[in-house]
C-alpha cells in the first residue's frame, strides 16, 4: 500500500488546487494572495471593468508577477519571451 501526501490550497472553504509538494502549494497560495490584493487595485481604475474582468486581470498579473515587476522597474522584456507569447501571423498571398 502506498502513502501519498497531498497539499491542498483551500480558499473560503473551496478547494482551489492540490499539489504533491508544500513548496508548490505555498507558491500557489502566495500567488492567490497577490491576486486578492490586486483585485481592488484594478477595480479602482477608471476603466469601468466588471468584477469578473477585474478578478481575471488581477489573477493574470499575479501569475506573471516576475515579468510585471520587471516591466514596472523599466526593464524591457527580452526578445525571447516576447517571441514565445506572440504567435506569428500567417502570411497572405497577394
PDB file of N, CA and C in Angstrom:
ATOM      1  N   UNK A   1       0.845  -1.174   0.000  1.00  0.00           N
ATOM      2  CA  UNK A   1       0.000   0.000   0.000  1.00  0.00           C
ATOM      3  C   UNK A   1       0.889   1.236   0.000  1.00  0.00           C
ATOM      4  N   UNK A   2       0.561   2.185  -0.868  1.00  0.00           N
ATOM      5  CA  UNK A   2       1.325   3.420  -0.990  1.00  0.00           C
ATOM      6  C   UNK A   2       0.679   4.527  -0.170  1.00  0.00           C
ATOM      7  N   UNK A   3       1.516   5.350   0.398  1.00  0.00           N
ATOM      8  CA  UNK A   3       1.044   6.519   1.136  1.00  0.00           C
ATOM      9  C   UNK A   3       1.416   7.742   0.319  1.00  0.00           C
ATOM     10  N   UNK A   4       0.419   8.550   0.022  1.00  0.00           N
ATOM     11  CA  UNK A   4       0.643   9.746  -0.787  1.00  0.00           C
ATOM     12  C   UNK A   4       0.278  10.963   0.042  1.00  0.00           C
ATOM     13  N   UNK A   5       1.210  11.903   0.112  1.00  0.00           N
ATOM     14  CA  UNK A   5       0.968  13.145   0.819  1.00  0.00           C
ATOM     15  C   UNK A   5       0.519  14.188  -0.192  1.00  0.00           C
ATOM     16  N   UNK A   6      -0.597  14.843   0.107  1.00  0.00           N
ATOM     17  CA  UNK A   6      -1.110  15.886  -0.774  1.00  0.00           C
ATOM     18  C   UNK A   6      -1.245  17.172   0.015  1.00  0.00           C
ATOM     19  N   UNK A   7      -0.937  18.271  -0.644  1.00  0.00           N
ATOM     20  CA  UNK A   7      -1.090  19.596  -0.055  1.00  0.00           C
ATOM     21  C   UNK A   7      -2.188  20.302  -0.842  1.00  0.00           C
ATOM     22  N   UNK A   8      -3.239  20.685  -0.148  1.00  0.00           N
ATOM     23  CA  UNK A   8      -4.417  21.267  -0.783  1.00  0.00           C
ATOM     24  C   UNK A   8      -4.515  22.739  -0.400  1.00  0.00           C
ATOM     25  N   UNK A   9      -4.672  23.585  -1.415  1.00  0.00           N
ATOM     26  CA  UNK A   9      -4.880  25.016  -1.183  1.00  0.00           C
ATOM     27  C   UNK A   9      -6.392  25.234  -1.144  1.00  0.00           C
ATOM     28  N   UNK A  10      -6.873  25.752  -0.018  1.00  0.00           N
ATOM     29  CA  UNK A  10      -8.299  25.986   0.188  1.00  0.00           C
ATOM     30  C   UNK A  10      -8.515  27.469   0.454  1.00  0.00           C
ATOM     31  N   UNK A  11      -9.469  28.053  -0.254  1.00  0.00           N
ATOM     32  CA  UNK A  11      -9.834  29.459  -0.063  1.00  0.00           C
ATOM     33  C   UNK A  11     -11.319  29.550   0.182  1.00  0.00           C
ATOM     34  N   UNK A  12     -11.716  30.172   1.283  1.00  0.00           N
ATOM     35  CA  UNK A  12     -13.118  30.379   1.640  1.00  0.00           C
ATOM     36  C   UNK A  12     -13.903  29.069   1.557  1.00  0.00           C
ATOM     37  N   UNK A  13     -13.287  27.989   2.031  1.00  0.00           N
ATOM     38  CA  UNK A  13     -13.943  26.687   2.057  1.00  0.00           C
ATOM     39  C   UNK A  13     -13.971  25.951   0.733  1.00  0.00           C
ATOM     40  N   UNK A  14     -13.341  26.513  -0.302  1.00  0.00           N
ATOM     41  CA  UNK A  14     -13.333  25.906  -1.631  1.00  0.00           C
ATOM     42  C   UNK A  14     -11.923  25.414  -1.947  1.00  0.00           C
ATOM     43  N   UNK A  15     -11.826  24.149  -2.353  1.00  0.00           N
ATOM     44  CA  UNK A  15     -10.531  23.582  -2.736  1.00  0.00           C
ATOM     45  C   UNK A  15     -10.128  24.161  -4.087  1.00  0.00           C
ATOM     46  N   UNK A  16      -8.993  24.851  -4.113  1.00  0.00           N
ATOM     47  CA  UNK A  16      -8.532  25.509  -5.332  1.00  0.00           C
ATOM     48  C   UNK A  16      -7.594  24.629  -6.159  1.00  0.00           C
ATOM     49  N   UNK A  17      -6.634  23.978  -5.470  1.00  0.00           N
ATOM     50  CA  UNK A  17      -5.643  23.191  -6.202  1.00  0.00           C
ATOM     51  C   UNK A  17      -4.975  22.223  -5.234  1.00  0.00           C
ATOM     52  N   UNK A  18      -4.527  21.094  -5.774  1.00  0.00           N
ATOM     53  CA  UNK A  18      -3.835  20.087  -4.981  1.00  0.00           C
ATOM     54  C   UNK A  18      -2.424  19.912  -5.531  1.00  0.00           C
ATOM     55  N   UNK A  19      -1.459  19.823  -4.623  1.00  0.00           N
ATOM     56  CA  UNK A  19      -0.048  19.699  -5.006  1.00  0.00           C
ATOM     57  C   UNK A  19       0.592  18.532  -4.270  1.00  0.00           C
ATOM     58  N   UNK A  20       1.713  18.076  -4.801  1.00  0.00           N
ATOM     59  CA  UNK A  20       2.451  16.995  -4.139  1.00  0.00           C
ATOM     60  C   UNK A  20       3.586  17.523  -3.286  1.00  0.00           C
ATOM     61  N   UNK A  21       3.865  18.832  -3.385  1.00  0.00           N
ATOM     62  CA  UNK A  21       4.924  19.407  -2.544  1.00  0.00           C
ATOM     63  C   UNK A  21       4.406  20.652  -1.829  1.00  0.00           C
ATOM     64  N   UNK A  22       4.893  20.844  -0.627  1.00  0.00           N
ATOM     65  CA  UNK A  22       4.500  22.005   0.172  1.00  0.00           C
ATOM     66  C   UNK A  22       4.970  23.298  -0.484  1.00  0.00           C
ATOM     67  N   UNK A  23       6.141  23.256  -1.103  1.00  0.00           N
ATOM     68  CA  UNK A  23       6.709  24.441  -1.753  1.00  0.00           C
ATOM     69  C   UNK A  23       5.785  24.939  -2.874  1.00  0.00           C
ATOM     70  N   UNK A  24       5.295  24.019  -3.698  1.00  0.00           N
ATOM     71  CA  UNK A  24       4.393  24.398  -4.788  1.00  0.00           C
ATOM     72  C   UNK A  24       3.069  24.937  -4.241  1.00  0.00           C
ATOM     73  N   UNK A  25       2.555  24.295  -3.202  1.00  0.00           N
ATOM     74  CA  UNK A  25       1.303  24.749  -2.602  1.00  0.00           C
ATOM     75  C   UNK A  25       1.458  26.138  -1.999  1.00  0.00           C
ATOM     76  N   UNK A  26       2.569  26.380  -1.317  1.00  0.00           N
ATOM     77  CA  UNK A  26       2.817  27.706  -0.738  1.00  0.00           C
ATOM     78  C   UNK A  26       2.943  28.771  -1.818  1.00  0.00           C
ATOM     79  N   UNK A  27       3.625  28.436  -2.925  1.00  0.00           N
ATOM     80  CA  UNK A  27       3.791  29.390  -4.029  1.00  0.00           C
ATOM     81  C   UNK A  27       2.432  29.740  -4.646  1.00  0.00           C
ATOM     82  N   UNK A  28       1.579  28.735  -4.818  1.00  0.00           N
ATOM     83  CA  UNK A  28       0.252  28.979  -5.382  1.00  0.00           C
ATOM     84  C   UNK A  28      -0.589  29.821  -4.424  1.00  0.00           C
ATOM     85  N   UNK A  29      -0.511  29.517  -3.142  1.00  0.00           N
ATOM     86  CA  UNK A  29      -1.243  30.275  -2.137  1.00  0.00           C
ATOM     87  C   UNK A  29      -0.792  31.734  -2.124  1.00  0.00           C
ATOM     88  N   UNK A  30       0.500  31.945  -2.245  1.00  0.00           N
ATOM     89  CA  UNK A  30       1.036  33.312  -2.282  1.00  0.00           C
ATOM     90  C   UNK A  30       0.542  34.046  -3.532  1.00  0.00           C
ATOM     91  N   UNK A  31       0.499  33.338  -4.672  1.00  0.00           N
ATOM     92  CA  UNK A  31       0.014  33.937  -5.907  1.00  0.00           C
ATOM     93  C   UNK A  31      -1.455  34.343  -5.752  1.00  0.00           C
ATOM     94  N   UNK A  32      -2.252  33.506  -5.078  1.00  0.00           N
ATOM     95  CA  UNK A  32      -3.647  33.851  -4.826  1.00  0.00           C
ATOM     96  C   UNK A  32      -3.766  35.068  -3.900  1.00  0.00           C
ATOM     97  N   UNK A  33      -2.870  35.164  -2.915  1.00  0.00           N
ATOM     98  CA  UNK A  33      -2.857  36.341  -2.034  1.00  0.00           C
ATOM     99  C   UNK A  33      -2.581  37.605  -2.836  1.00  0.00           C
ATOM    100  N   UNK A  34      -1.627  37.532  -3.747  1.00  0.00           N
ATOM    101  CA  UNK A  34      -1.284  38.689  -4.587  1.00  0.00           C
ATOM    102  C   UNK A  34      -2.481  39.069  -5.449  1.00  0.00           C
ATOM    103  N   UNK A  35      -3.140  38.078  -6.044  1.00  0.00           N
ATOM    104  CA  UNK A  35      -4.315  38.345  -6.882  1.00  0.00           C
ATOM    105  C   UNK A  35      -5.420  39.002  -6.055  1.00  0.00           C
ATOM    106  N   UNK A  36      -5.603  38.532  -4.829  1.00  0.00           N
ATOM    107  CA  UNK A  36      -6.621  39.129  -3.951  1.00  0.00           C
ATOM    108  C   UNK A  36      -6.313  40.591  -3.647  1.00  0.00           C
ATOM    109  N   UNK A  37      -5.044  40.915  -3.519  1.00  0.00           N
ATOM    110  CA  UNK A  37      -4.646  42.295  -3.240  1.00  0.00           C
ATOM    111  C   UNK A  37      -4.716  43.177  -4.482  1.00  0.00           C
ATOM    112  N   UNK A  38      -4.499  42.582  -5.658  1.00  0.00           N
ATOM    113  CA  UNK A  38      -4.550  43.344  -6.903  1.00  0.00           C
ATOM    114  C   UNK A  38      -5.980  43.635  -7.365  1.00  0.00           C
ATOM    115  N   UNK A  39      -6.919  42.784  -7.007  1.00  0.00           N
ATOM    116  CA  UNK A  39      -8.296  42.937  -7.494  1.00  0.00           C
ATOM    117  C   UNK A  39      -8.888  44.302  -7.144  1.00  0.00           C
ATOM    118  N   UNK A  40      -8.836  44.765  -5.883  1.00  0.00           N
ATOM    119  CA  UNK A  40      -9.392  46.102  -5.609  1.00  0.00           C
ATOM    120  C   UNK A  40      -8.600  47.216  -6.295  1.00  0.00           C
ATOM    121  N   UNK A  41      -7.299  47.010  -6.479  1.00  0.00           N
ATOM    122  CA  UNK A  41      -6.475  47.997  -7.175  1.00  0.00           C
ATOM    123  C   UNK A  41      -6.967  48.177  -8.608  1.00  0.00           C
ATOM    124  N   UNK A  42      -7.232  47.062  -9.290  1.00  0.00           N
ATOM    125  CA  UNK A  42      -7.721  47.114 -10.670  1.00  0.00           C
ATOM    126  C   UNK A  42      -9.140  47.668 -10.697  1.00  0.00           C
ATOM    127  N   UNK A  43      -9.962  47.279  -9.740  1.00  0.00           N
ATOM    128  CA  UNK A  43     -11.351  47.740  -9.695  1.00  0.00           C
ATOM    129  C   UNK A  43     -11.447  49.245  -9.489  1.00  0.00           C
ATOM    130  N   UNK A  44     -10.464  49.841  -8.817  1.00  0.00           N
ATOM    131  CA  UNK A  44     -10.469  51.280  -8.561  1.00  0.00           C
ATOM    132  C   UNK A  44      -9.995  52.104  -9.752  1.00  0.00           C
ATOM    133  N   UNK A  45      -9.626  51.443 -10.835  1.00  0.00           N
ATOM    134  CA  UNK A  45      -9.181  52.180 -12.017  1.00  0.00           C
ATOM    135  C   UNK A  45     -10.371  52.853 -12.698  1.00  0.00           C
ATOM    136  N   UNK A  46     -10.083  53.707 -13.623  1.00  0.00           N
ATOM    137  CA  UNK A  46     -11.134  54.416 -14.354  1.00  0.00           C
ATOM    138  C   UNK A  46     -11.563  53.641 -15.595  1.00  0.00           C
ATOM    139  N   UNK A  47     -11.254  52.349 -15.642  1.00  0.00           N
ATOM    140  CA  UNK A  47     -11.531  51.551 -16.835  1.00  0.00           C
ATOM    141  C   UNK A  47     -12.963  51.014 -16.889  1.00  0.00           C
ATOM    142  N   UNK A  48     -13.723  51.131 -15.813  1.00  0.00           N
ATOM    143  CA  UNK A  48     -15.105  50.676 -15.758  1.00  0.00           C
ATOM    144  C   UNK A  48     -15.219  49.195 -16.151  1.00  0.00           C
ATOM    145  N   UNK A  49     -14.457  48.354 -15.446  1.00  0.00           N
ATOM    146  CA  UNK A  49     -14.463  46.912 -15.689  1.00  0.00           C
ATOM    147  C   UNK A  49     -15.410  46.230 -14.710  1.00  0.00           C
ATOM    148  N   UNK A  50     -16.073  45.157 -15.161  1.00  0.00           N
ATOM    149  CA  UNK A  50     -16.925  44.429 -14.223  1.00  0.00           C
ATOM    150  C   UNK A  50     -16.055  43.587 -13.288  1.00  0.00           C
ATOM    151  N   UNK A  51     -16.645  43.088 -12.224  1.00  0.00           N
ATOM    152  CA  UNK A  51     -15.896  42.368 -11.181  1.00  0.00           C
ATOM    153  C   UNK A  51     -15.169  41.146 -11.726  1.00  0.00           C
ATOM    154  N   UNK A  52     -15.807  40.403 -12.626  1.00  0.00           N
ATOM    155  CA  UNK A  52     -15.199  39.204 -13.184  1.00  0.00           C
ATOM    156  C   UNK A  52     -13.928  39.534 -13.969  1.00  0.00           C
ATOM    157  N   UNK A  53     -13.977  40.583 -14.762  1.00  0.00           N
ATOM    158  CA  UNK A  53     -12.812  41.001 -15.545  1.00  0.00           C
ATOM    159  C   UNK A  53     -11.704  41.483 -14.615  1.00  0.00           C
ATOM    160  N   UNK A  54     -12.056  42.216 -13.576  1.00  0.00           N
ATOM    161  CA  UNK A  54     -11.056  42.687 -12.608  1.00  0.00           C
ATOM    162  C   UNK A  54     -10.344  41.508 -11.955  1.00  0.00           C
ATOM    163  N   UNK A  55     -11.108  40.489 -11.564  1.00  0.00           N
ATOM    164  CA  UNK A  55     -10.509  39.307 -10.940  1.00  0.00           C
ATOM    165  C   UNK A  55      -9.600  38.560 -11.909  1.00  0.00           C
ATOM    166  N   UNK A  56     -10.034  38.415 -13.159  1.00  0.00           N
ATOM    167  CA  UNK A  56      -9.216  37.722 -14.161  1.00  0.00           C
ATOM    168  C   UNK A  56      -7.924  38.487 -14.438  1.00  0.00           C
ATOM    169  N   UNK A  57      -8.022  39.790 -14.537  1.00  0.00           N
ATOM    170  CA  UNK A  57      -6.846  40.619 -14.786  1.00  0.00           C
ATOM    171  C   UNK A  57      -5.884  40.556 -13.607  1.00  0.00           C
ATOM    172  N   UNK A  58      -6.407  40.623 -12.400  1.00  0.00           N
ATOM    173  CA  UNK A  58      -5.564  40.530 -11.204  1.00  0.00           C
ATOM    174  C   UNK A  58      -4.885  39.167 -11.124  1.00  0.00           C
ATOM    175  N   UNK A  59      -5.623  38.096 -11.448  1.00  0.00           N
ATOM    176  CA  UNK A  59      -5.068  36.742 -11.435  1.00  0.00           C
ATOM    177  C   UNK A  59      -3.953  36.627 -12.479  1.00  0.00           C
ATOM    178  N   UNK A  60      -4.161  37.187 -13.670  1.00  0.00           N
ATOM    179  CA  UNK A  60      -3.139  37.168 -14.718  1.00  0.00           C
ATOM    180  C   UNK A  60      -1.873  37.900 -14.277  1.00  0.00           C
ATOM    181  N   UNK A  61      -2.057  39.072 -13.686  1.00  0.00           N
ATOM    182  CA  UNK A  61      -0.896  39.837 -13.227  1.00  0.00           C
ATOM    183  C   UNK A  61      -0.163  39.093 -12.116  1.00  0.00           C
ATOM    184  N   UNK A  62      -0.888  38.441 -11.224  1.00  0.00           N
ATOM    185  CA  UNK A  62      -0.260  37.673 -10.142  1.00  0.00           C
ATOM    186  C   UNK A  62       0.496  36.475 -10.691  1.00  0.00           C
ATOM    187  N   UNK A  63      -0.068  35.804 -11.702  1.00  0.00           N
ATOM    188  CA  UNK A  63       0.610  34.661 -12.318  1.00  0.00           C
ATOM    189  C   UNK A  63       1.904  35.080 -12.999  1.00  0.00           C
ATOM    190  N   UNK A  64       1.938  36.295 -13.511  1.00  0.00           N
ATOM    191  CA  UNK A  64       3.090  36.791 -14.259  1.00  0.00           C
ATOM    192  C   UNK A  64       3.800  37.905 -13.505  1.00  0.00           C
ATOM    193  N   UNK A  65       3.841  37.782 -12.174  1.00  0.00           N
ATOM    194  CA  UNK A  65       4.361  38.865 -11.332  1.00  0.00           C
ATOM    195  C   UNK A  65       5.820  39.192 -11.607  1.00  0.00           C
ATOM    196  N   UNK A  66       6.641  38.196 -11.918  1.00  0.00           N
ATOM    197  CA  UNK A  66       8.060  38.468 -12.158  1.00  0.00           C
ATOM    198  C   UNK A  66       8.248  39.336 -13.400  1.00  0.00           C
ATOM    199  N   UNK A  67       7.549  38.996 -14.482  1.00  0.00           N
ATOM    200  CA  UNK A  67       7.640  39.796 -15.701  1.00  0.00           C
ATOM    201  C   UNK A  67       7.027  41.178 -15.485  1.00  0.00           C
ATOM    202  N   UNK A  68       5.904  41.236 -14.770  1.00  0.00           N
ATOM    203  CA  UNK A  68       5.263  42.511 -14.473  1.00  0.00           C
ATOM    204  C   UNK A  68       6.174  43.397 -13.638  1.00  0.00           C
ATOM    205  N   UNK A  69       6.826  42.803 -12.636  1.00  0.00           N
ATOM    206  CA  UNK A  69       7.740  43.563 -11.791  1.00  0.00           C
ATOM    207  C   UNK A  69       8.885  44.143 -12.618  1.00  0.00           C
ATOM    208  N   UNK A  70       9.425  43.343 -13.536  1.00  0.00           N
ATOM    209  CA  UNK A  70      10.500  43.836 -14.414  1.00  0.00           C
ATOM    210  C   UNK A  70      10.023  44.997 -15.267  1.00  0.00           C
ATOM    211  N   UNK A  71       8.817  44.870 -15.812  1.00  0.00           N
ATOM    212  CA  UNK A  71       8.269  45.955 -16.625  1.00  0.00           C
ATOM    213  C   UNK A  71       8.073  47.226 -15.807  1.00  0.00           C
ATOM    214  N   UNK A  72       7.599  47.075 -14.566  1.00  0.00           N
ATOM    215  CA  UNK A  72       7.391  48.241 -13.708  1.00  0.00           C
ATOM    216  C   UNK A  72       8.710  48.889 -13.302  1.00  0.00           C
ATOM    217  N   UNK A  73       9.774  48.083 -13.258  1.00  0.00           N
ATOM    218  CA  UNK A  73      11.093  48.635 -12.950  1.00  0.00           C
ATOM    219  C   UNK A  73      11.707  49.314 -14.163  1.00  0.00           C
ATOM    220  N   UNK A  74      11.088  49.153 -15.327  1.00  0.00           N
ATOM    221  CA  UNK A  74      11.588  49.790 -16.534  1.00  0.00           C
ATOM    222  C   UNK A  74      12.483  48.902 -17.366  1.00  0.00           C
ATOM    223  N   UNK A  75      12.535  47.617 -17.054  1.00  0.00           N
ATOM    224  CA  UNK A  75      13.350  46.679 -17.812  1.00  0.00           C
ATOM    225  C   UNK A  75      12.526  46.195 -18.988  1.00  0.00           C
ATOM    226  N   UNK A  76      13.089  46.340 -20.194  1.00  0.00           N
ATOM    227  CA  UNK A  76      12.379  45.893 -21.394  1.00  0.00           C
ATOM    228  C   UNK A  76      12.308  44.373 -21.413  1.00  0.00           C
ATOM    229  N   UNK A  77      11.164  43.828 -21.848  1.00  0.00           N
ATOM    230  CA  UNK A  77      11.060  42.373 -21.919  1.00  0.00           C
ATOM    231  C   UNK A  77      12.035  41.821 -22.953  1.00  0.00           C
ATOM    232  N   UNK A  78      12.574  40.635 -22.701  1.00  0.00           N
ATOM    233  CA  UNK A  78      13.542  40.053 -23.628  1.00  0.00           C
ATOM    234  C   UNK A  78      12.841  39.623 -24.903  1.00  0.00           C
ATOM    235  N   UNK A  79      13.565  39.588 -25.985  1.00  0.00           N
ATOM    236  CA  UNK A  79      13.010  39.210 -27.284  1.00  0.00           C
ATOM    237  C   UNK A  79      12.530  37.769 -27.270  1.00  0.00           C
ATOM    238  N   UNK A  80      13.195  36.921 -26.501  1.00  0.00           N
ATOM    239  CA  UNK A  80      12.808  35.515 -26.442  1.00  0.00           C
ATOM    240  C   UNK A  80      11.440  35.349 -25.792  1.00  0.00           C
ATOM    241  N   UNK A  81      11.184  36.058 -24.711  1.00  0.00           N
ATOM    242  CA  UNK A  81       9.891  35.960 -24.043  1.00  0.00           C
ATOM    243  C   UNK A  81       8.792  36.524 -24.924  1.00  0.00           C
ATOM    244  N   UNK A  82       9.075  37.627 -25.617  1.00  0.00           N
ATOM    245  CA  UNK A  82       8.092  38.253 -26.484  1.00  0.00           C
ATOM    246  C   UNK A  82       7.746  37.332 -27.648  1.00  0.00           C
ATOM    247  N   UNK A  83       8.761  36.652 -28.208  1.00  0.00           N
ATOM    248  CA  UNK A  83       8.521  35.751 -29.332  1.00  0.00           C
ATOM    249  C   UNK A  83       7.659  34.571 -28.925  1.00  0.00           C
ATOM    250  N   UNK A  84       7.830  34.059 -27.719  1.00  0.00           N
ATOM    251  CA  UNK A  84       7.027  32.942 -27.237  1.00  0.00           C
ATOM    252  C   UNK A  84       5.573  33.344 -27.055  1.00  0.00           C
ATOM    253  N   UNK A  85       5.337  34.559 -26.582  1.00  0.00           N
ATOM    254  CA  UNK A  85       3.990  34.996 -26.228  1.00  0.00           C
ATOM    255  C   UNK A  85       3.165  35.386 -27.444  1.00  0.00           C
ATOM    256  N   UNK A  86       3.799  35.954 -28.476  1.00  0.00           N
ATOM    257  CA  UNK A  86       3.034  36.435 -29.622  1.00  0.00           C
ATOM    258  C   UNK A  86       3.212  35.486 -30.805  1.00  0.00           C
ATOM    259  N   UNK A  87       2.149  34.785 -31.190  1.00  0.00           N
ATOM    260  CA  UNK A  87       2.245  33.857 -32.318  1.00  0.00           C
ATOM    261  C   UNK A  87       2.416  34.614 -33.623  1.00  0.00           C
ATOM    262  N   UNK A  88       3.115  33.978 -34.560  1.00  0.00           N
ATOM    263  CA  UNK A  88       3.325  34.600 -35.863  1.00  0.00           C
ATOM    264  C   UNK A  88       2.028  34.575 -36.644  1.00  0.00           C
ATOM    265  N   UNK A  89       1.763  35.639 -37.363  1.00  0.00           N
ATOM    266  CA  UNK A  89       0.577  35.697 -38.183  1.00  0.00           C
ATOM    267  C   UNK A  89       0.892  35.043 -39.538  1.00  0.00           C
ATOM    268  N   UNK A  90      -0.076  34.362 -40.071  1.00  0.00           N
ATOM    269  CA  UNK A  90       0.114  33.702 -41.362  1.00  0.00           C
ATOM    270  C   UNK A  90       0.208  34.762 -42.454  1.00  0.00           C
ATOM    271  N   UNK A  91       1.129  34.514 -43.370  1.00  0.00           N
ATOM    272  CA  UNK A  91       1.291  35.444 -44.485  1.00  0.00           C
ATOM    273  C   UNK A  91       0.210  35.171 -45.513  1.00  0.00           C
ATOM    274  N   UNK A  92      -0.302  36.226 -46.099  1.00  0.00           N
ATOM    275  CA  UNK A  92      -1.322  36.062 -47.131  1.00  0.00           C
ATOM    276  C   UNK A  92      -0.724  36.359 -48.480  1.00  0.00           C
ATOM    277  N   UNK A  93      -1.149  35.588 -49.487  1.00  0.00           N
ATOM    278  CA  UNK A  93      -0.668  35.807 -50.853  1.00  0.00           C
ATOM    279  C   UNK A  93      -1.483  36.904 -51.494  1.00  0.00           C
ATOM    280  N   UNK A  94      -0.810  37.724 -52.273  1.00  0.00           N
ATOM    281  CA  UNK A  94      -1.488  38.820 -52.970  1.00  0.00           C
ATOM    282  C   UNK A  94      -1.439  38.600 -54.445  1.00  0.00           C
TER     283      UNK A  94
END
